[in-house]
Amino acid sequence: MPDDCLFCKIIKGDIPTDKLFEDDEVIAFRDIAPQAPVHFLVVPKKHISGPSAVAAEDEQLIGKLMRVGSKIAKQEGADDFRVVFNNGERAGQLVFHIHMHILGGRRLTGPLG
């Protein structure tokens, strides 16, 4: 894990977060700047820099993000929700560790909210 990666620091427990789920492969926590009533991130513990860096051996792990995110969204009361992955700085990726945003809890309009 890179020493300067924010999400790696969260995974190691160096930075506190409002955790919603954790197992050996995945962690999920509330976004610190929510864009909707329900807004959380699902992050693999394996450091992958972004969607374009997903390798064939990561496919099952990335699928698990979707399954975990869907389960948490329902628990949070968001049966309808948006899933967002950003790839690269110009696409809005701020932390270069792949992560999935789940947004819901209200009618979502436009490309991001």
PDB file of N, CA and C in Angstrom:
ATOM      1  N   MET A   1       0.830  -1.191   0.000  1.00  0.00           N
ATOM      2  CA  MET A   1       0.000   0.000   0.000  1.00  0.00           C
ATOM      3  C   MET A   1       0.873   1.252   0.000  1.00  0.00           C
ATOM      4  N   PRO A   2       0.568   2.187  -0.880  1.00  0.00           N
ATOM      5  CA  PRO A   2       1.336   3.437  -0.877  1.00  0.00           C
ATOM      6  C   PRO A   2       1.131   4.216   0.427  1.00  0.00           C
ATOM      7  N   ASP A   3       2.207   4.776   0.944  1.00  0.00           N
ATOM      8  CA  ASP A   3       2.149   5.516   2.208  1.00  0.00           C
ATOM      9  C   ASP A   3       1.334   6.797   2.123  1.00  0.00           C
ATOM     10  N   ASP A   4       1.204   7.378   0.910  1.00  0.00           N
ATOM     11  CA  ASP A   4       0.521   8.658   0.777  1.00  0.00           C
ATOM     12  C   ASP A   4      -0.940   8.525   0.333  1.00  0.00           C
ATOM     13  N   CYS A   5      -1.447   7.306   0.229  1.00  0.00           N
ATOM     14  CA  CYS A   5      -2.820   7.087  -0.227  1.00  0.00           C
ATOM     15  C   CYS A   5      -3.800   7.254   0.936  1.00  0.00           C
ATOM     16  N   LEU A   6      -4.730   8.187   0.797  1.00  0.00           N
ATOM     17  CA  LEU A   6      -5.723   8.451   1.836  1.00  0.00           C
ATOM     18  C   LEU A   6      -6.517   7.195   2.188  1.00  0.00           C
ATOM     19  N   PHE A   7      -6.987   6.466   1.179  1.00  0.00           N
ATOM     20  CA  PHE A   7      -7.812   5.293   1.462  1.00  0.00           C
ATOM     21  C   PHE A   7      -6.995   4.165   2.080  1.00  0.00           C
ATOM     22  N   CYS A   8      -5.727   4.037   1.712  1.00  0.00           N
ATOM     23  CA  CYS A   8      -4.870   3.032   2.358  1.00  0.00           C
ATOM     24  C   CYS A   8      -4.708   3.367   3.842  1.00  0.00           C
ATOM     25  N   LYS A   9      -4.610   4.655   4.158  1.00  0.00           N
ATOM     26  CA  LYS A   9      -4.506   5.082   5.557  1.00  0.00           C
ATOM     27  C   LYS A   9      -5.800   4.760   6.312  1.00  0.00           C
ATOM     28  N   ILE A  10      -6.943   4.957   5.668  1.00  0.00           N
ATOM     29  CA  ILE A  10      -8.225   4.603   6.291  1.00  0.00           C
ATOM     30  C   ILE A  10      -8.291   3.098   6.511  1.00  0.00           C
ATOM     31  N   ILE A  11      -7.897   2.320   5.510  1.00  0.00           N
ATOM     32  CA  ILE A  11      -7.919   0.863   5.608  1.00  0.00           C
ATOM     33  C   ILE A  11      -7.034   0.388   6.761  1.00  0.00           C
ATOM     34  N   LYS A  12      -5.863   1.009   6.929  1.00  0.00           N
ATOM     35  CA  LYS A  12      -4.941   0.628   8.018  1.00  0.00           C
ATOM     36  C   LYS A  12      -5.430   1.093   9.385  1.00  0.00           C
ATOM     37  N   GLY A  13      -6.434   1.977   9.414  1.00  0.00           N
ATOM     38  CA  GLY A  13      -6.945   2.491  10.678  1.00  0.00           C
ATOM     39  C   GLY A  13      -6.236   3.744  11.156  1.00  0.00           C
ATOM     40  N   ASP A  14      -5.370   4.316  10.306  1.00  0.00           N
ATOM     41  CA  ASP A  14      -4.646   5.525  10.687  1.00  0.00           C
ATOM     42  C   ASP A  14      -5.533   6.765  10.670  1.00  0.00           C
ATOM     43  N   ILE A  15      -6.608   6.729   9.882  1.00  0.00           N
ATOM     44  CA  ILE A  15      -7.546   7.845   9.782  1.00  0.00           C
ATOM     45  C   ILE A  15      -8.934   7.315  10.117  1.00  0.00           C
ATOM     46  N   PRO A  16      -9.617   7.918  11.089  1.00  0.00           N
ATOM     47  CA  PRO A  16     -10.953   7.438  11.442  1.00  0.00           C
ATOM     48  C   PRO A  16     -11.975   7.763  10.358  1.00  0.00           C
ATOM     49  N   THR A  17     -12.998   6.938  10.281  1.00  0.00           N
ATOM     50  CA  THR A  17     -14.069   7.146   9.315  1.00  0.00           C
ATOM     51  C   THR A  17     -15.366   6.588   9.878  1.00  0.00           C
ATOM     52  N   ASP A  18     -16.470   6.985   9.296  1.00  0.00           N
ATOM     53  CA  ASP A  18     -17.787   6.473   9.695  1.00  0.00           C
ATOM     54  C   ASP A  18     -18.041   5.200   8.889  1.00  0.00           C
ATOM     55  N   LYS A  19     -17.529   4.101   9.404  1.00  0.00           N
ATOM     56  CA  LYS A  19     -17.530   2.823   8.713  1.00  0.00           C
ATOM     57  C   LYS A  19     -18.916   2.187   8.696  1.00  0.00           C
ATOM     58  N   LEU A  20     -19.313   1.693   7.528  1.00  0.00           N
ATOM     59  CA  LEU A  20     -20.584   0.998   7.358  1.00  0.00           C
ATOM     60  C   LEU A  20     -20.406  -0.505   7.192  1.00  0.00           C
ATOM     61  N   PHE A  21     -19.228  -0.922   6.724  1.00  0.00           N
ATOM     62  CA  PHE A  21     -18.970  -2.338   6.463  1.00  0.00           C
ATOM     63  C   PHE A  21     -17.469  -2.540   6.353  1.00  0.00           C
ATOM     64  N   GLU A  22     -17.018  -3.718   6.791  1.00  0.00           N
ATOM     65  CA  GLU A  22     -15.626  -4.095   6.574  1.00  0.00           C
ATOM     66  C   GLU A  22     -15.492  -5.601   6.658  1.00  0.00           C
ATOM     67  N   ASP A  23     -14.720  -6.158   5.733  1.00  0.00           N
ATOM     68  CA  ASP A  23     -14.301  -7.551   5.815  1.00  0.00           C
ATOM     69  C   ASP A  23     -12.845  -7.617   5.356  1.00  0.00           C
ATOM     70  N   ASP A  24     -12.360  -8.778   5.003  1.00  0.00           N
ATOM     71  CA  ASP A  24     -10.952  -8.920   4.620  1.00  0.00           C
ATOM     72  C   ASP A  24     -10.603  -8.243   3.300  1.00  0.00           C
ATOM     73  N   GLU A  25     -11.588  -7.992   2.450  1.00  0.00           N
ATOM     74  CA  GLU A  25     -11.324  -7.476   1.103  1.00  0.00           C
ATOM     75  C   GLU A  25     -11.834  -6.065   0.837  1.00  0.00           C
ATOM     76  N   VAL A  26     -12.851  -5.637   1.585  1.00  0.00           N
ATOM     77  CA  VAL A  26     -13.586  -4.421   1.241  1.00  0.00           C
ATOM     78  C   VAL A  26     -13.888  -3.619   2.501  1.00  0.00           C
ATOM     79  N   ILE A  27     -13.911  -2.300   2.349  1.00  0.00           N
ATOM     80  CA  ILE A  27     -14.384  -1.411   3.412  1.00  0.00           C
ATOM     81  C   ILE A  27     -15.371  -0.430   2.786  1.00  0.00           C
ATOM     82  N   ALA A  28     -16.390  -0.046   3.535  1.00  0.00           N
ATOM     83  CA  ALA A  28     -17.361   0.948   3.075  1.00  0.00           C
ATOM     84  C   ALA A  28     -17.551   1.970   4.189  1.00  0.00           C
ATOM     85  N   PHE A  29     -17.617   3.238   3.792  1.00  0.00           N
ATOM     86  CA  PHE A  29     -17.766   4.300   4.774  1.00  0.00           C
ATOM     87  C   PHE A  29     -18.476   5.493   4.140  1.00  0.00           C
ATOM     88  N   ARG A  30     -19.059   6.329   4.992  1.00  0.00           N
ATOM     89  CA  ARG A  30     -19.785   7.512   4.523  1.00  0.00           C
ATOM     90  C   ARG A  30     -18.821   8.524   3.907  1.00  0.00           C
ATOM     91  N   ASP A  31     -19.272   9.183   2.848  1.00  0.00           N
ATOM     92  CA  ASP A  31     -18.481  10.232   2.212  1.00  0.00           C
ATOM     93  C   ASP A  31     -18.411  11.434   3.153  1.00  0.00           C
ATOM     94  N   ILE A  32     -17.244  12.058   3.245  1.00  0.00           N
ATOM     95  CA  ILE A  32     -17.097  13.197   4.169  1.00  0.00           C
ATOM     96  C   ILE A  32     -17.743  14.470   3.627  1.00  0.00           C
ATOM     97  N   ALA A  33     -18.076  14.490   2.342  1.00  0.00           N
ATOM     98  CA  ALA A  33     -18.754  15.641   1.736  1.00  0.00           C
ATOM     99  C   ALA A  33     -19.932  15.118   0.917  1.00  0.00           C
ATOM    100  N   PRO A  34     -20.975  14.613   1.598  1.00  0.00           N
ATOM    101  CA  PRO A  34     -22.065  13.937   0.882  1.00  0.00           C
ATOM    102  C   PRO A  34     -22.795  14.846  -0.106  1.00  0.00           C
ATOM    103  N   GLN A  35     -23.102  14.276  -1.254  1.00  0.00           N
ATOM    104  CA  GLN A  35     -23.826  14.971  -2.313  1.00  0.00           C
ATOM    105  C   GLN A  35     -25.293  14.548  -2.367  1.00  0.00           C
ATOM    106  N   ALA A  36     -25.690  13.652  -1.469  1.00  0.00           N
ATOM    107  CA  ALA A  36     -27.069  13.160  -1.384  1.00  0.00           C
ATOM    108  C   ALA A  36     -27.285  12.661   0.041  1.00  0.00           C
ATOM    109  N   PRO A  37     -28.549  12.482   0.459  1.00  0.00           N
ATOM    110  CA  PRO A  37     -28.799  11.986   1.814  1.00  0.00           C
ATOM    111  C   PRO A  37     -28.081  10.664   2.108  1.00  0.00           C
ATOM    112  N   VAL A  38     -27.999   9.795   1.110  1.00  0.00           N
ATOM    113  CA  VAL A  38     -27.207   8.570   1.219  1.00  0.00           C
ATOM    114  C   VAL A  38     -26.029   8.749   0.273  1.00  0.00           C
ATOM    115  N   HIS A  39     -24.835   8.779   0.809  1.00  0.00           N
ATOM    116  CA  HIS A  39     -23.627   8.886  -0.029  1.00  0.00           C
ATOM    117  C   HIS A  39     -22.482   8.230   0.726  1.00  0.00           C
ATOM    118  N   PHE A  40     -22.065   7.092   0.209  1.00  0.00           N
ATOM    119  CA  PHE A  40     -20.960   6.375   0.829  1.00  0.00           C
ATOM    120  C   PHE A  40     -20.055   5.813  -0.248  1.00  0.00           C
ATOM    121  N   LEU A  41     -18.880   5.391   0.177  1.00  0.00           N
ATOM    122  CA  LEU A  41     -17.886   4.819  -0.717  1.00  0.00           C
ATOM    123  C   LEU A  41     -17.673   3.354  -0.374  1.00  0.00           C
ATOM    124  N   VAL A  42     -17.441   2.555  -1.389  1.00  0.00           N
ATOM    125  CA  VAL A  42     -17.052   1.161  -1.206  1.00  0.00           C
ATOM    126  C   VAL A  42     -15.677   1.025  -1.852  1.00  0.00           C
ATOM    127  N   VAL A  43     -14.716   0.550  -1.072  1.00  0.00           N
ATOM    128  CA  VAL A  43     -13.312   0.576  -1.469  1.00  0.00           C
ATOM    129  C   VAL A  43     -12.691  -0.808  -1.258  1.00  0.00           C
ATOM    130  N   PRO A  44     -12.011  -1.341  -2.272  1.00  0.00           N
ATOM    131  CA  PRO A  44     -11.285  -2.588  -2.022  1.00  0.00           C
ATOM    132  C   PRO A  44     -10.055  -2.298  -1.170  1.00  0.00           C
ATOM    133  N   LYS A  45      -9.671  -3.233  -0.333  1.00  0.00           N
ATOM    134  CA  LYS A  45      -8.470  -3.051   0.473  1.00  0.00           C
ATOM    135  C   LYS A  45      -7.212  -3.182  -0.382  1.00  0.00           C
ATOM    136  N   LYS A  46      -7.302  -3.903  -1.470  1.00  0.00           N
ATOM    137  CA  LYS A  46      -6.180  -3.983  -2.407  1.00  0.00           C
ATOM    138  C   LYS A  46      -6.047  -2.633  -3.090  1.00  0.00           C
ATOM    139  N   HIS A  47      -4.843  -2.093  -3.119  1.00  0.00           N
ATOM    140  CA  HIS A  47      -4.637  -0.804  -3.772  1.00  0.00           C
ATOM    141  C   HIS A  47      -4.621  -1.005  -5.288  1.00  0.00           C
ATOM    142  N   ILE A  48      -5.622  -0.439  -5.941  1.00  0.00           N
ATOM    143  CA  ILE A  48      -5.724  -0.380  -7.396  1.00  0.00           C
ATOM    144  C   ILE A  48      -5.946   1.101  -7.687  1.00  0.00           C
ATOM    145  N   SER A  49      -5.150   1.683  -8.560  1.00  0.00           N
ATOM    146  CA  SER A  49      -5.165   3.149  -8.705  1.00  0.00           C
ATOM    147  C   SER A  49      -6.464   3.711  -9.268  1.00  0.00           C
ATOM    148  N   GLY A  50      -7.187   2.948 -10.059  1.00  0.00           N
ATOM    149  CA  GLY A  50      -8.445   3.438 -10.623  1.00  0.00           C
ATOM    150  C   GLY A  50      -9.056   2.400 -11.531  1.00  0.00           C
ATOM    151  N   PRO A  51     -10.227   2.692 -12.102  1.00  0.00           N
ATOM    152  CA  PRO A  51     -10.904   1.721 -12.964  1.00  0.00           C
ATOM    153  C   PRO A  51     -10.056   1.210 -14.127  1.00  0.00           C
ATOM    154  N   SER A  52      -9.246   2.063 -14.726  1.00  0.00           N
ATOM    155  CA  SER A  52      -8.451   1.604 -15.865  1.00  0.00           C
ATOM    156  C   SER A  52      -7.295   0.708 -15.446  1.00  0.00           C
ATOM    157  N   ALA A  53      -7.039   0.594 -14.144  1.00  0.00           N
ATOM    158  CA  ALA A  53      -5.972  -0.278 -13.647  1.00  0.00           C
ATOM    159  C   ALA A  53      -6.492  -1.637 -13.177  1.00  0.00           C
ATOM    160  N   VAL A  54      -7.785  -1.889 -13.327  1.00  0.00           N
ATOM    161  CA  VAL A  54      -8.357  -3.176 -12.913  1.00  0.00           C
ATOM    162  C   VAL A  54      -7.826  -4.271 -13.843  1.00  0.00           C
ATOM    163  N   ALA A  55      -7.251  -5.300 -13.253  1.00  0.00           N
ATOM    164  CA  ALA A  55      -6.718  -6.433 -14.007  1.00  0.00           C
ATOM    165  C   ALA A  55      -7.712  -7.588 -13.972  1.00  0.00           C
ATOM    166  N   ALA A  56      -7.486  -8.566 -14.821  1.00  0.00           N
ATOM    167  CA  ALA A  56      -8.380  -9.727 -14.889  1.00  0.00           C
ATOM    168  C   ALA A  56      -8.546 -10.380 -13.518  1.00  0.00           C
ATOM    169  N   GLU A  57      -7.473 -10.456 -12.749  1.00  0.00           N
ATOM    170  CA  GLU A  57      -7.568 -11.103 -11.429  1.00  0.00           C
ATOM    171  C   GLU A  57      -8.350 -10.268 -10.418  1.00  0.00           C
ATOM    172  N   ASP A  58      -8.692  -9.021 -10.761  1.00  0.00           N
ATOM    173  CA  ASP A  58      -9.459  -8.151  -9.863  1.00  0.00           C
ATOM    174  C   ASP A  58     -10.964  -8.182 -10.136  1.00  0.00           C
ATOM    175  N   GLU A  59     -11.390  -8.878 -11.180  1.00  0.00           N
ATOM    176  CA  GLU A  59     -12.792  -8.817 -11.592  1.00  0.00           C
ATOM    177  C   GLU A  59     -13.753  -9.260 -10.496  1.00  0.00           C
ATOM    178  N   GLN A  60     -13.440 -10.331  -9.786  1.00  0.00           N
ATOM    179  CA  GLN A  60     -14.329 -10.795  -8.720  1.00  0.00           C
ATOM    180  C   GLN A  60     -14.390  -9.766  -7.587  1.00  0.00           C
ATOM    181  N   LEU A  61     -13.265  -9.176  -7.254  1.00  0.00           N
ATOM    182  CA  LEU A  61     -13.219  -8.158  -6.203  1.00  0.00           C
ATOM    183  C   LEU A  61     -14.058  -6.939  -6.579  1.00  0.00           C
ATOM    184  N   ILE A  62     -13.962  -6.489  -7.817  1.00  0.00           N
ATOM    185  CA  ILE A  62     -14.728  -5.324  -8.256  1.00  0.00           C
ATOM    186  C   ILE A  62     -16.224  -5.661  -8.276  1.00  0.00           C
ATOM    187  N   GLY A  63     -16.576  -6.869  -8.643  1.00  0.00           N
ATOM    188  CA  GLY A  63     -17.970  -7.304  -8.556  1.00  0.00           C
ATOM    189  C   GLY A  63     -18.477  -7.293  -7.122  1.00  0.00           C
ATOM    190  N   LYS A  64     -17.601  -7.630  -6.198  1.00  0.00           N
ATOM    191  CA  LYS A  64     -17.981  -7.612  -4.776  1.00  0.00           C
ATOM    192  C   LYS A  64     -18.315  -6.198  -4.317  1.00  0.00           C
ATOM    193  N   LEU A  65     -17.626  -5.196  -4.867  1.00  0.00           N
ATOM    194  CA  LEU A  65     -17.961  -3.813  -4.511  1.00  0.00           C
ATOM    195  C   LEU A  65     -19.429  -3.530  -4.810  1.00  0.00           C
ATOM    196  N   MET A  66     -19.893  -3.986  -5.979  1.00  0.00           N
ATOM    197  CA  MET A  66     -21.284  -3.760  -6.369  1.00  0.00           C
ATOM    198  C   MET A  66     -22.246  -4.470  -5.420  1.00  0.00           C
ATOM    199  N   ARG A  67     -21.935  -5.706  -5.091  1.00  0.00           N
ATOM    200  CA  ARG A  67     -22.813  -6.468  -4.193  1.00  0.00           C
ATOM    201  C   ARG A  67     -22.876  -5.829  -2.810  1.00  0.00           C
ATOM    202  N   VAL A  68     -21.725  -5.465  -2.259  1.00  0.00           N
ATOM    203  CA  VAL A  68     -21.681  -4.834  -0.940  1.00  0.00           C
ATOM    204  C   VAL A  68     -22.381  -3.472  -0.980  1.00  0.00           C
ATOM    205  N   GLY A  69     -22.112  -2.687  -2.017  1.00  0.00           N
ATOM    206  CA  GLY A  69     -22.745  -1.374  -2.137  1.00  0.00           C
ATOM    207  C   GLY A  69     -24.254  -1.459  -2.214  1.00  0.00           C
ATOM    208  N   SER A  70     -24.756  -2.411  -2.978  1.00  0.00           N
ATOM    209  CA  SER A  70     -26.215  -2.585  -3.105  1.00  0.00           C
ATOM    210  C   SER A  70     -26.844  -2.962  -1.774  1.00  0.00           C
ATOM    211  N   LYS A  71     -26.185  -3.843  -1.041  1.00  0.00           N
ATOM    212  CA  LYS A  71     -26.704  -4.271   0.261  1.00  0.00           C
ATOM    213  C   LYS A  71     -26.738  -3.099   1.249  1.00  0.00           C
ATOM    214  N   ILE A  72     -25.679  -2.325   1.289  1.00  0.00           N
ATOM    215  CA  ILE A  72     -25.632  -1.188   2.212  1.00  0.00           C
ATOM    216  C   ILE A  72     -26.643  -0.127   1.803  1.00  0.00           C
ATOM    217  N   ALA A  73     -26.779   0.139   0.506  1.00  0.00           N
ATOM    218  CA  ALA A  73     -27.761   1.128   0.038  1.00  0.00           C
ATOM    219  C   ALA A  73     -29.150   0.769   0.545  1.00  0.00           C
ATOM    220  N   LYS A  74     -29.515  -0.484   0.414  1.00  0.00           N
ATOM    221  CA  LYS A  74     -30.829  -0.928   0.894  1.00  0.00           C
ATOM    222  C   LYS A  74     -30.944  -0.727   2.406  1.00  0.00           C
ATOM    223  N   GLN A  75     -29.905  -1.091   3.157  1.00  0.00           N
ATOM    224  CA  GLN A  75     -29.911  -0.902   4.613  1.00  0.00           C
ATOM    225  C   GLN A  75     -30.047   0.577   4.986  1.00  0.00           C
ATOM    226  N   GLU A  76     -29.514   1.449   4.149  1.00  0.00           N
ATOM    227  CA  GLU A  76     -29.562   2.893   4.390  1.00  0.00           C
ATOM    228  C   GLU A  76     -30.862   3.520   3.898  1.00  0.00           C
ATOM    229  N   GLY A  77     -31.745   2.713   3.307  1.00  0.00           N
ATOM    230  CA  GLY A  77     -33.045   3.200   2.850  1.00  0.00           C
ATOM    231  C   GLY A  77     -33.067   3.708   1.425  1.00  0.00           C
ATOM    232  N   ALA A  78     -32.050   3.384   0.647  1.00  0.00           N
ATOM    233  CA  ALA A  78     -31.983   3.838  -0.744  1.00  0.00           C
ATOM    234  C   ALA A  78     -32.166   2.641  -1.678  1.00  0.00           C
ATOM    235  N   ASP A  79     -33.420   2.332  -2.002  1.00  0.00           N
ATOM    236  CA  ASP A  79     -33.679   1.251  -2.952  1.00  0.00           C
ATOM    237  C   ASP A  79     -33.250   1.648  -4.362  1.00  0.00           C
ATOM    238  N   ASP A  80     -33.382   2.933  -4.682  1.00  0.00           N
ATOM    239  CA  ASP A  80     -32.910   3.481  -5.951  1.00  0.00           C
ATOM    240  C   ASP A  80     -31.652   4.281  -5.644  1.00  0.00           C
ATOM    241  N   PHE A  81     -30.600   4.038  -6.401  1.00  0.00           N
ATOM    242  CA  PHE A  81     -29.347   4.725  -6.126  1.00  0.00           C
ATOM    243  C   PHE A  81     -28.504   4.813  -7.387  1.00  0.00           C
ATOM    244  N   ARG A  82     -27.542   5.714  -7.342  1.00  0.00           N
ATOM    245  CA  ARG A  82     -26.592   5.894  -8.437  1.00  0.00           C
ATOM    246  C   ARG A  82     -25.245   5.319  -8.015  1.00  0.00           C
ATOM    247  N   VAL A  83     -24.551   4.710  -8.973  1.00  0.00           N
ATOM    248  CA  VAL A  83     -23.213   4.166  -8.768  1.00  0.00           C
ATOM    249  C   VAL A  83     -22.255   4.974  -9.637  1.00  0.00           C
ATOM    250  N   VAL A  84     -21.171   5.478  -9.032  1.00  0.00           N
ATOM    251  CA  VAL A  84     -20.215   6.289  -9.772  1.00  0.00           C
ATOM    252  C   VAL A  84     -18.792   5.807  -9.493  1.00  0.00           C
ATOM    253  N   PHE A  85     -18.054   5.590 -10.576  1.00  0.00           N
ATOM    254  CA  PHE A  85     -16.604   5.386 -10.530  1.00  0.00           C
ATOM    255  C   PHE A  85     -15.997   6.526 -11.337  1.00  0.00           C
ATOM    256  N   ASN A  86     -15.019   7.213 -10.802  1.00  0.00           N
ATOM    257  CA  ASN A  86     -14.291   8.230 -11.551  1.00  0.00           C
ATOM    258  C   ASN A  86     -12.939   7.652 -11.937  1.00  0.00           C
ATOM    259  N   ASN A  87     -12.516   7.937 -13.159  1.00  0.00           N
ATOM    260  CA  ASN A  87     -11.232   7.432 -13.640  1.00  0.00           C
ATOM    261  C   ASN A  87     -10.389   8.589 -14.154  1.00  0.00           C
ATOM    262  N   GLY A  88      -9.438   9.010 -13.346  1.00  0.00           N
ATOM    263  CA  GLY A  88      -8.530  10.075 -13.744  1.00  0.00           C
ATOM    264  C   GLY A  88      -8.945  11.438 -13.223  1.00  0.00           C
ATOM    265  N   GLU A  89      -7.973  12.309 -13.155  1.00  0.00           N
ATOM    266  CA  GLU A  89      -8.174  13.647 -12.596  1.00  0.00           C
ATOM    267  C   GLU A  89      -9.239  14.443 -13.344  1.00  0.00           C
ATOM    268  N   ARG A  90      -9.212  14.429 -14.671  1.00  0.00           N
ATOM    269  CA  ARG A  90     -10.187  15.210 -15.443  1.00  0.00           C
ATOM    270  C   ARG A  90     -11.606  14.661 -15.303  1.00  0.00           C
ATOM    271  N   ALA A  91     -11.746  13.430 -14.847  1.00  0.00           N
ATOM    272  CA  ALA A  91     -13.068  12.850 -14.618  1.00  0.00           C
ATOM    273  C   ALA A  91     -13.538  13.073 -13.183  1.00  0.00           C
ATOM    274  N   GLY A  92     -12.708  13.710 -12.371  1.00  0.00           N
ATOM    275  CA  GLY A  92     -13.100  14.005 -11.001  1.00  0.00           C
ATOM    276  C   GLY A  92     -12.526  13.072  -9.954  1.00  0.00           C
ATOM    277  N   GLN A  93     -11.625  12.176 -10.336  1.00  0.00           N
ATOM    278  CA  GLN A  93     -11.022  11.280  -9.348  1.00  0.00           C
ATOM    279  C   GLN A  93     -10.056  12.091  -8.494  1.00  0.00           C
ATOM    280  N   LEU A  94     -10.314  12.127  -7.197  1.00  0.00           N
ATOM    281  CA  LEU A  94      -9.480  12.887  -6.268  1.00  0.00           C
ATOM    282  C   LEU A  94      -8.519  12.008  -5.499  1.00  0.00           C
ATOM    283  N   VAL A  95      -8.924  10.766  -5.235  1.00  0.00           N
ATOM    284  CA  VAL A  95      -8.078   9.801  -4.530  1.00  0.00           C
ATOM    285  C   VAL A  95      -7.788   8.680  -5.511  1.00  0.00           C
ATOM    286  N   PHE A  96      -6.519   8.419  -5.754  1.00  0.00           N
ATOM    287  CA  PHE A  96      -6.141   7.448  -6.771  1.00  0.00           C
ATOM    288  C   PHE A  96      -5.990   6.051  -6.175  1.00  0.00           C
ATOM    289  N   HIS A  97      -7.112   5.590  -5.643  1.00  0.00           N
ATOM    290  CA  HIS A  97      -7.347   4.237  -5.133  1.00  0.00           C
ATOM    291  C   HIS A  97      -8.789   3.973  -5.551  1.00  0.00           C
ATOM    292  N   ILE A  98      -9.009   2.974  -6.384  1.00  0.00           N
ATOM    293  CA  ILE A  98     -10.350   2.763  -6.933  1.00  0.00           C
ATOM    294  C   ILE A  98     -11.392   2.749  -5.814  1.00  0.00           C
ATOM    295  N   HIS A  99     -12.498   3.409  -6.066  1.00  0.00           N
ATOM    296  CA  HIS A  99     -13.594   3.450  -5.100  1.00  0.00           C
ATOM    297  C   HIS A  99     -14.900   3.706  -5.839  1.00  0.00           C
ATOM    298  N   MET A 100     -15.944   3.174  -5.283  1.00  0.00           N
ATOM    299  CA  MET A 100     -17.272   3.283  -5.866  1.00  0.00           C
ATOM    300  C   MET A 100     -18.120   4.169  -4.965  1.00  0.00           C
ATOM    301  N   HIS A 101     -18.679   5.224  -5.549  1.00  0.00           N
ATOM    302  CA  HIS A 101     -19.628   6.078  -4.831  1.00  0.00           C
ATOM    303  C   HIS A 101     -21.021   5.489  -4.998  1.00  0.00           C
ATOM    304  N   ILE A 102     -21.792   5.465  -3.918  1.00  0.00           N
ATOM    305  CA  ILE A 102     -23.219   5.141  -3.959  1.00  0.00           C
ATOM    306  C   ILE A 102     -23.943   6.382  -3.461  1.00  0.00           C
ATOM    307  N   LEU A 103     -24.869   6.901  -4.288  1.00  0.00           N
ATOM    308  CA  LEU A 103     -25.653   8.080  -3.931  1.00  0.00           C
ATOM    309  C   LEU A 103     -27.128   7.751  -4.059  1.00  0.00           C
ATOM    310  N   GLY A 104     -27.917   8.161  -3.073  1.00  0.00           N
ATOM    311  CA  GLY A 104     -29.351   7.919  -3.127  1.00  0.00           C
ATOM    312  C   GLY A 104     -30.059   8.692  -2.026  1.00  0.00           C
ATOM    313  N   GLY A 105     -31.297   8.330  -1.817  1.00  0.00           N
ATOM    314  CA  GLY A 105     -32.080   8.984  -0.778  1.00  0.00           C
ATOM    315  C   GLY A 105     -32.868  10.188  -1.240  1.00  0.00           C
ATOM    316  N   ARG A 106     -32.746  10.526  -2.521  1.00  0.00           N
ATOM    317  CA  ARG A 106     -33.536  11.606  -3.135  1.00  0.00           C
ATOM    318  C   ARG A 106     -33.517  11.381  -4.636  1.00  0.00           C
ATOM    319  N   ARG A 107     -34.370  12.117  -5.362  1.00  0.00           N
ATOM    320  CA  ARG A 107     -34.345  12.048  -6.820  1.00  0.00           C
ATOM    321  C   ARG A 107     -33.034  12.646  -7.303  1.00  0.00           C
ATOM    322  N   LEU A 108     -32.318  11.900  -8.107  1.00  0.00           N
ATOM    323  CA  LEU A 108     -31.043  12.360  -8.650  1.00  0.00           C
ATOM    324  C   LEU A 108     -31.252  12.833 -10.069  1.00  0.00           C
ATOM    325  N   THR A 109     -30.706  13.993 -10.398  1.00  0.00           N
ATOM    326  CA  THR A 109     -30.818  14.554 -11.736  1.00  0.00           C
ATOM    327  C   THR A 109     -29.433  14.870 -12.262  1.00  0.00           C
ATOM    328  N   GLY A 110     -29.346  15.122 -13.545  1.00  0.00           N
ATOM    329  CA  GLY A 110     -28.065  15.480 -14.133  1.00  0.00           C
ATOM    330  C   GLY A 110     -27.069  14.341 -14.076  1.00  0.00           C
ATOM    331  N   PRO A 111     -25.876  14.587 -14.552  1.00  0.00           N
ATOM    332  CA  PRO A 111     -24.898  13.507 -14.624  1.00  0.00           C
ATOM    333  C   PRO A 111     -24.389  13.038 -13.256  1.00  0.00           C
ATOM    334  N   LEU A 112     -24.381  13.895 -12.240  1.00  0.00           N
ATOM    335  CA  LEU A 112     -23.844  13.459 -10.956  1.00  0.00           C
ATOM    336  C   LEU A 112     -24.772  13.748  -9.771  1.00  0.00           C
ATOM    337  N   GLY A 113     -25.854  14.372  -9.931  1.00  0.00           N
ATOM    338  CA  GLY A 113     -26.627  14.561  -8.731  1.00  0.00           C
ATOM    339  C   GLY A 113     -27.755  15.468  -8.815  1.00  0.00           C
TER     340      GLY A 113
END
